[in-house]
Amino acid sequence: MQKFSTKDSENYRSNYIAAVIINNIKKLQCGLSDTQIEALIPIIRNSIYTAHVNMRVNPYATFEYFDKFVPPDWLDCESLKL
C-alpha cells in the first residue's frame, strides 16, 4: 500500500470523488455539452478538495459545524453503481 502525505491523500480522494461525480453526470446525459462538463470538472474537484482541507485544518469543529453548509432539504446519500 502506497503512503501519501496528508495533502496527497486529500488530493487523491478529491480527484477520485470528482471523477465519480463527473462520470455520473455524463451518464445522465442531462443536456450539458462536453465543454460545459469540462468547465465543471475543476470546480467540482477543487470544491471537494477545499472541503477536505477545511475538515483537516479545523479538527476541533464538530459535525454540527460542517452540517450548517448542507441544505436542510438534502436527502441522505446512497451508493451508486460504479
Protein backbone atom coordinates (compact mmCIF):
# COMPACT_ATOMS: atom_id res chain seq x y z
CA MET A 1 0.00 0.00 0.00
CA GLN A 2 1.44 3.34 -1.03
CA LYS A 3 1.65 6.02 1.64
CA PHE A 4 0.63 9.56 0.79
CA SER A 5 1.22 12.75 2.69
CA THR A 6 -1.92 14.36 4.09
CA LYS A 7 -2.07 16.76 1.16
CA ASP A 8 -1.51 13.97 -1.37
CA SER A 9 -4.17 11.86 0.30
CA GLU A 10 -6.67 14.73 0.24
CA ASN A 11 -5.81 15.41 -3.39
CA TYR A 12 -6.16 11.74 -4.34
CA ARG A 13 -9.51 11.36 -2.57
CA SER A 14 -10.78 14.64 -4.04
CA ASN A 15 -9.86 13.61 -7.57
CA TYR A 16 -11.48 10.20 -7.13
CA ILE A 17 -14.72 11.69 -5.75
CA ALA A 18 -14.78 14.29 -8.53
CA ALA A 19 -14.31 11.53 -11.13
CA VAL A 20 -17.27 9.58 -9.71
CA ILE A 21 -19.42 12.73 -9.78
CA ILE A 22 -18.45 13.68 -13.34
CA ASN A 23 -18.91 10.12 -14.62
CA ASN A 24 -22.41 10.04 -13.16
CA ILE A 25 -23.23 13.45 -14.63
CA LYS A 26 -22.11 12.15 -18.03
CA LYS A 27 -24.31 9.04 -17.60
CA LEU A 28 -27.32 11.27 -17.01
CA GLN A 29 -26.88 12.92 -20.38
CA CYS A 30 -28.58 15.95 -18.87
CA GLY A 31 -28.04 18.19 -21.84
CA LEU A 32 -24.65 19.55 -20.84
CA SER A 33 -22.16 19.89 -23.64
CA ASP A 34 -18.67 18.42 -23.36
CA THR A 35 -17.36 21.97 -22.98
CA GLN A 36 -19.73 22.63 -20.07
CA ILE A 37 -18.77 19.36 -18.38
CA GLU A 38 -15.08 20.16 -18.83
CA ALA A 39 -15.70 23.54 -17.18
CA LEU A 40 -17.39 21.80 -14.23
CA ILE A 41 -14.53 19.37 -13.57
CA PRO A 42 -12.10 21.81 -11.86
CA ILE A 43 -14.98 23.46 -9.95
CA ILE A 44 -16.16 20.12 -8.56
CA ARG A 45 -12.65 18.80 -7.91
CA ASN A 46 -11.46 21.97 -6.16
CA SER A 47 -14.66 22.22 -4.12
CA ILE A 48 -14.20 18.68 -2.82
CA TYR A 49 -10.53 19.35 -2.07
CA THR A 50 -11.46 22.55 -0.22
CA ALA A 51 -13.92 20.62 1.95
CA HIS A 52 -11.24 18.01 2.77
CA VAL A 53 -8.72 20.70 3.69
CA ASN A 54 -11.25 22.61 5.79
CA MET A 55 -12.07 19.46 7.75
CA ARG A 56 -8.35 18.87 8.37
CA VAL A 57 -7.37 22.41 9.35
CA ASN A 58 -10.36 22.74 11.66
CA PRO A 59 -10.12 19.39 13.50
CA TYR A 60 -11.97 20.66 16.55
CA ALA A 61 -15.06 21.58 14.58
CA THR A 62 -17.99 19.32 15.21
CA PHE A 63 -20.18 17.70 12.61
CA GLU A 64 -22.78 20.28 13.58
CA TYR A 65 -20.36 22.97 12.35
CA PHE A 66 -19.95 21.32 8.96
CA ASP A 67 -23.63 20.38 8.81
CA LYS A 68 -24.62 24.05 8.51
CA PHE A 69 -23.16 24.06 4.98
CA VAL A 70 -25.52 21.29 3.79
CA PRO A 71 -29.00 22.46 2.74
CA PRO A 72 -31.63 21.06 5.13
CA ASP A 73 -33.75 19.60 2.34
CA TRP A 74 -30.98 17.33 1.01
CA LEU A 75 -31.71 13.63 1.30
CA ASP A 76 -29.28 11.12 2.79
CA CYS A 77 -26.64 9.83 0.41
CA GLU A 78 -26.93 6.49 -1.36
CA SER A 79 -24.32 4.46 -3.16
CA LEU A 80 -24.42 4.41 -6.96
CA LYS A 81 -23.20 1.58 -9.14
CA LEU A 82 -19.74 2.34 -10.49
